[in-house]
């Protein structure tokens, strides 16, 4: 799982907190001043510029609202098992 984040974005902090509570391992790319990874994120996400951008097994799932919905609906656990 990969997350593209800004250091002080509330949605980024919420997403990381949710994943930490679930003991999910992720690679974080902090893109505040990282134009290269910002471009990579935009290409991978189909042009999205909002953060966080979250990828599970290479698939863009969106940001914190989508992550929260997946978790609340019980879908996130299944996606994480498939990606493991």
C-alpha atoms as a PDB file:
ATOM      1  CA  UNK A   1       0.000   0.000   0.000  1.00  0.00           C
ATOM      2  CA  UNK A   2       1.240   3.459  -0.876  1.00  0.00           C
ATOM      3  CA  UNK A   3       0.099   6.858   0.365  1.00  0.00           C
ATOM      4  CA  UNK A   4       0.990  10.204  -1.118  1.00  0.00           C
ATOM      5  CA  UNK A   5       0.597  12.842   1.579  1.00  0.00           C
ATOM      6  CA  UNK A   6       1.224  16.385   2.749  1.00  0.00           C
ATOM      7  CA  UNK A   7       2.694  16.643   6.248  1.00  0.00           C
ATOM      8  CA  UNK A   8      -0.035  18.787   7.782  1.00  0.00           C
ATOM      9  CA  UNK A   9      -3.119  17.776   5.794  1.00  0.00           C
ATOM     10  CA  UNK A  10      -5.947  16.755   8.119  1.00  0.00           C
ATOM     11  CA  UNK A  11      -7.174  14.085   5.684  1.00  0.00           C
ATOM     12  CA  UNK A  12      -3.651  12.653   5.444  1.00  0.00           C
ATOM     13  CA  UNK A  13      -3.371  12.525   9.225  1.00  0.00           C
ATOM     14  CA  UNK A  14      -6.786  10.847   9.468  1.00  0.00           C
ATOM     15  CA  UNK A  15      -5.902   8.272   6.793  1.00  0.00           C
ATOM     16  CA  UNK A  16      -2.604   7.367   8.451  1.00  0.00           C
ATOM     17  CA  UNK A  17      -4.325   7.152  11.835  1.00  0.00           C
ATOM     18  CA  UNK A  18      -6.928   4.735  10.484  1.00  0.00           C
ATOM     19  CA  UNK A  19      -4.278   2.566   8.851  1.00  0.00           C
ATOM     20  CA  UNK A  20      -2.112   2.651  11.985  1.00  0.00           C
ATOM     21  CA  UNK A  21      -5.089   1.555  14.141  1.00  0.00           C
ATOM     22  CA  UNK A  22      -5.607  -1.349  11.737  1.00  0.00           C
ATOM     23  CA  UNK A  23      -1.867  -2.189  11.888  1.00  0.00           C
ATOM     24  CA  UNK A  24      -1.560  -1.757   8.126  1.00  0.00           C
ATOM     25  CA  UNK A  25       1.940  -1.353   6.736  1.00  0.00           C
ATOM     26  CA  UNK A  26       2.252   1.334   4.083  1.00  0.00           C
ATOM     27  CA  UNK A  27       4.858   3.285   2.163  1.00  0.00           C
ATOM     28  CA  UNK A  28       4.376   7.017   2.552  1.00  0.00           C
ATOM     29  CA  UNK A  29       5.537   9.553  -0.002  1.00  0.00           C
ATOM     30  CA  UNK A  30       5.478  13.028   1.546  1.00  0.00           C
ATOM     31  CA  UNK A  31       5.107  15.297  -1.453  1.00  0.00           C
ATOM     32  CA  UNK A  32       5.092  18.791   0.142  1.00  0.00           C
ATOM     33  CA  UNK A  33       8.312  19.732  -1.683  1.00  0.00           C
ATOM     34  CA  UNK A  34       8.723  16.657  -3.892  1.00  0.00           C
ATOM     35  CA  UNK A  35       7.696  17.573  -7.427  1.00  0.00           C
ATOM     36  CA  UNK A  36       8.869  14.243  -8.857  1.00  0.00           C
ATOM     37  CA  UNK A  37       6.657  12.102  -6.603  1.00  0.00           C
ATOM     38  CA  UNK A  38       3.818  14.624  -6.959  1.00  0.00           C
ATOM     39  CA  UNK A  39       3.939  14.015 -10.730  1.00  0.00           C
ATOM     40  CA  UNK A  40       4.078  10.245 -10.173  1.00  0.00           C
ATOM     41  CA  UNK A  41       1.013  10.474  -7.909  1.00  0.00           C
ATOM     42  CA  UNK A  42      -0.905  12.499 -10.466  1.00  0.00           C
ATOM     43  CA  UNK A  43      -0.114  10.037 -13.248  1.00  0.00           C
ATOM     44  CA  UNK A  44      -1.017   7.022 -11.104  1.00  0.00           C
ATOM     45  CA  UNK A  45      -4.274   8.598  -9.913  1.00  0.00           C
ATOM     46  CA  UNK A  46      -5.517   9.765 -13.277  1.00  0.00           C
ATOM     47  CA  UNK A  47      -4.664  13.420 -12.675  1.00  0.00           C
ATOM     48  CA  UNK A  48      -5.923  13.820  -9.130  1.00  0.00           C
ATOM     49  CA  UNK A  49      -4.052  16.449  -7.141  1.00  0.00           C
ATOM     50  CA  UNK A  50      -5.776  16.121  -3.743  1.00  0.00           C
ATOM     51  CA  UNK A  51      -4.112  14.301  -0.881  1.00  0.00           C
ATOM     52  CA  UNK A  52      -3.927  11.751   0.359  1.00  0.00           C
ATOM     53  CA  UNK A  53      -3.930   9.555  -2.687  1.00  0.00           C
ATOM     54  CA  UNK A  54      -4.033   5.926  -1.613  1.00  0.00           C
ATOM     55  CA  UNK A  55      -3.091   2.868  -3.655  1.00  0.00           C
ATOM     56  CA  UNK A  56      -3.704  -0.741  -2.699  1.00  0.00           C
ATOM     57  CA  UNK A  57      -1.860  -3.295  -4.802  1.00  0.00           C
ATOM     58  CA  UNK A  58      -1.237  -0.579  -7.394  1.00  0.00           C
ATOM     59  CA  UNK A  59      -4.920   0.370  -7.686  1.00  0.00           C
ATOM     60  CA  UNK A  60      -5.960   3.950  -6.908  1.00  0.00           C
ATOM     61  CA  UNK A  61      -8.711   3.952  -4.296  1.00  0.00           C
ATOM     62  CA  UNK A  62      -8.852   7.731  -3.753  1.00  0.00           C
ATOM     63  CA  UNK A  63      -8.400   9.685  -0.560  1.00  0.00           C
ATOM     64  CA  UNK A  64      -9.472   9.544   3.065  1.00  0.00           C
ATOM     65  CA  UNK A  65     -13.247   9.637   2.439  1.00  0.00           C
ATOM     66  CA  UNK A  66     -12.976   6.599   0.161  1.00  0.00           C
ATOM     67  CA  UNK A  67     -10.666   4.804   2.611  1.00  0.00           C
ATOM     68  CA  UNK A  68     -13.120   5.481   5.444  1.00  0.00           C
ATOM     69  CA  UNK A  69     -16.084   4.196   3.382  1.00  0.00           C
ATOM     70  CA  UNK A  70     -14.185   1.043   2.430  1.00  0.00           C
ATOM     71  CA  UNK A  71     -13.351   0.412   6.071  1.00  0.00           C
ATOM     72  CA  UNK A  72     -16.878   1.117   7.331  1.00  0.00           C
ATOM     73  CA  UNK A  73     -18.311  -1.234   4.705  1.00  0.00           C
ATOM     74  CA  UNK A  74     -15.905  -4.057   5.554  1.00  0.00           C
ATOM     75  CA  UNK A  75     -14.334  -3.922   2.099  1.00  0.00           C
ATOM     76  CA  UNK A  76     -10.947  -2.550   3.178  1.00  0.00           C
ATOM     77  CA  UNK A  77     -10.007  -5.694   5.126  1.00  0.00           C
ATOM     78  CA  UNK A  78     -10.733  -7.846   2.097  1.00  0.00           C
ATOM     79  CA  UNK A  79      -8.698  -5.595  -0.205  1.00  0.00           C
ATOM     80  CA  UNK A  80      -5.764  -5.664   2.191  1.00  0.00           C
ATOM     81  CA  UNK A  81      -5.866  -9.473   2.448  1.00  0.00           C
ATOM     82  CA  UNK A  82      -5.851  -9.756  -1.342  1.00  0.00           C
ATOM     83  CA  UNK A  83      -2.892  -7.362  -1.582  1.00  0.00           C
ATOM     84  CA  UNK A  84      -0.852  -9.174   1.082  1.00  0.00           C
END
